[in-house]
Protein backbone atom coordinates (compact mmCIF):
# COMPACT_ATOMS: atom_id res chain seq x y z
CA MET A 1 0.20 0.03 0.18
CA GLN A 2 1.23 3.34 -0.50
CA GLN A 3 -0.20 6.39 0.71
CA SER A 4 0.21 10.13 1.17
CA LEU A 5 -1.00 13.35 1.70
CA HIS A 6 -2.36 15.31 -0.44
CA ALA A 7 -3.42 18.67 1.03
CA VAL A 8 -4.13 20.49 4.60
CA THR A 9 -6.70 23.28 4.49
CA LEU A 10 -6.11 26.45 5.80
CA VAL A 11 -8.81 28.82 6.23
CA VAL A 12 -8.20 32.34 4.81
CA PRO A 13 -10.37 35.26 4.73
CA ASP A 14 -9.64 36.14 1.22
CA TYR A 15 -8.66 33.70 -1.78
CA ASP A 16 -6.70 36.21 -4.01
CA ASP A 17 -4.73 37.79 -0.73
CA ALA A 18 -3.86 34.40 -0.02
CA ILE A 19 -2.27 33.33 -2.96
CA ALA A 20 -0.44 36.53 -3.41
CA PHE A 21 1.03 35.82 0.04
CA PHE A 22 2.13 32.20 -0.71
CA THR A 23 3.22 33.09 -4.35
CA HIS A 24 4.98 36.41 -3.90
CA THR A 25 6.34 36.56 -0.62
CA LEU A 26 6.94 32.42 -0.07
CA SER A 27 7.75 31.91 -3.63
CA PHE A 28 4.97 28.29 -3.79
CA SER A 29 3.65 27.03 -6.87
CA LEU A 30 -0.41 27.80 -7.65
CA THR A 31 -1.06 24.01 -8.51
CA GLN A 32 -4.63 24.73 -8.78
CA ASP A 33 -7.49 27.61 -9.08
CA ILE A 34 -10.61 25.91 -10.29
CA ASP A 35 -13.99 28.05 -9.91
CA LEU A 36 -16.73 25.90 -8.17
CA GLY A 37 -19.25 28.31 -8.34
CA ALA A 38 -21.22 30.72 -6.32
CA GLY A 39 -17.85 32.27 -4.83
CA LYS A 40 -16.14 29.13 -4.35
CA ARG A 41 -12.81 27.82 -5.68
CA TRP A 42 -10.77 24.84 -5.33
CA VAL A 43 -7.28 26.84 -4.28
CA ARG A 44 -3.77 24.71 -3.92
CA VAL A 45 -0.67 25.42 -3.20
CA SER A 46 2.91 24.09 -2.79
CA PRO A 47 6.36 25.06 -1.90
CA HIS A 48 8.83 25.53 -4.54
CA GLY A 49 9.92 22.43 -5.83
CA SER A 50 7.99 20.43 -3.28
CA THR A 51 6.71 17.03 -4.28
CA GLY A 52 4.60 16.17 -1.31
CA GLY A 53 1.31 17.66 0.34
CA SER A 54 -0.16 21.11 -0.46
CA LEU A 55 -2.08 23.72 1.25
CA LEU A 56 -6.06 23.80 0.15
CA LEU A 57 -6.86 27.27 0.88
CA ALA A 58 -10.41 27.63 2.14
CA ARG A 59 -12.04 30.90 2.29
CA ALA A 60 -14.64 31.40 5.29
CA ALA A 61 -17.75 30.77 4.29
CA ASP A 62 -19.47 31.71 7.74
CA ALA A 63 -18.59 33.73 11.04
CA ASP A 64 -17.44 30.14 12.94
CA GLN A 65 -15.04 29.90 9.93
CA ARG A 66 -14.10 33.34 10.13
CA THR A 67 -13.34 33.09 14.22
CA ALA A 68 -10.68 29.90 13.22
CA ILE A 69 -8.54 32.19 11.03
CA GLY A 70 -4.96 32.14 12.29
CA ASN A 71 -6.65 29.88 15.27
CA GLN A 72 -6.93 26.79 13.36
CA THR A 73 -4.03 24.73 15.54
CA GLY A 74 -5.50 26.82 19.11
CA GLY A 75 -2.27 29.41 19.00
CA ARG A 76 0.33 26.15 18.33
CA VAL A 77 2.30 25.89 15.53
CA GLY A 78 0.48 23.82 13.06
CA PHE A 79 2.50 24.26 10.09
CA PHE A 80 6.20 23.27 9.43
CA LEU A 81 7.91 25.14 6.17
CA GLU A 82 11.07 22.59 5.29
CA THR A 83 14.00 24.18 4.02
CA ASP A 84 17.70 23.02 2.51
CA ASN A 85 19.20 26.42 3.10
CA PHE A 86 18.09 28.14 6.33
CA ASP A 87 19.90 31.36 5.94
CA ARG A 88 19.23 31.64 2.75
CA ASP A 89 15.31 31.55 3.46
CA TYR A 90 15.10 32.94 6.14
CA LYS A 91 16.66 36.33 5.22
CA ASP A 92 14.54 35.88 2.22
CA MET A 93 11.26 35.70 4.29
CA LEU A 94 12.53 39.17 6.45
CA ALA A 95 13.16 40.92 3.34
CA LYS A 96 9.78 40.50 2.37
CA GLY A 97 8.41 41.43 5.55
CA VAL A 98 7.31 37.77 7.20
CA HIS A 99 7.09 38.59 10.84
CA PHE A 100 9.47 36.11 12.87
CA GLU A 101 8.81 35.39 16.70
CA GLU A 102 11.96 34.99 17.61
CA ALA A 103 15.56 34.68 16.39
CA PRO A 104 16.67 31.32 14.81
CA ARG A 105 17.55 28.89 17.36
CA HIS A 106 19.90 25.80 16.68
CA GLU A 107 17.79 22.60 18.40
CA PRO A 108 19.72 18.90 18.44
CA TYR A 109 17.38 18.54 15.06
CA GLY A 110 18.12 20.74 13.25
CA THR A 111 17.68 25.11 12.85
CA VAL A 112 14.55 26.65 13.23
CA ALA A 113 12.86 30.05 14.09
CA VAL A 114 8.32 30.40 14.93
CA TRP A 115 6.68 32.85 12.11
CA GLN A 116 3.67 33.70 11.27
CA ASP A 117 1.63 34.08 7.90
CA PRO A 118 -0.27 37.43 7.66
CA PHE A 119 -3.70 35.86 8.99
CA GLY A 120 -2.34 34.52 12.38
CA ASN A 121 -1.27 31.34 12.02
CA ARG A 122 1.92 30.00 13.61
CA TRP A 123 4.43 28.31 11.27
CA ASP A 124 8.29 27.02 11.72
CA LEU A 125 10.88 27.72 8.98
CA ILE A 126 13.17 24.39 9.82
CA GLN A 127 16.14 23.10 8.26
CA PHE A 128 16.72 19.53 9.38
CA THR A 129 20.15 18.25 10.85
């Protein structure tokens, strides 16, 4: 048997703002953007060079979903962006205005720093040792 994680939903306030952040600021690829009608779209983005899972950007459709924006994991780091060159990507993200909560740390498993997307979700930028 072979399985893989296809996508994880990230609730966002607006499709186009989310696409702009992920594709312009983080250089993700826009993998799919399909109009499903009635203002709903199937939008997937993937890290540059990734062959793994993707993010499904889902526009909040009601008040309950809007309250989940930025807090989908209860305040914990919920997303992990792995890189092959931490220093390069850290400097690039800083230059593009990404908010890091801390300076880079060197842990037994690698180099890591917590950052936030513009919607309030907490991420790790990580290069494993």
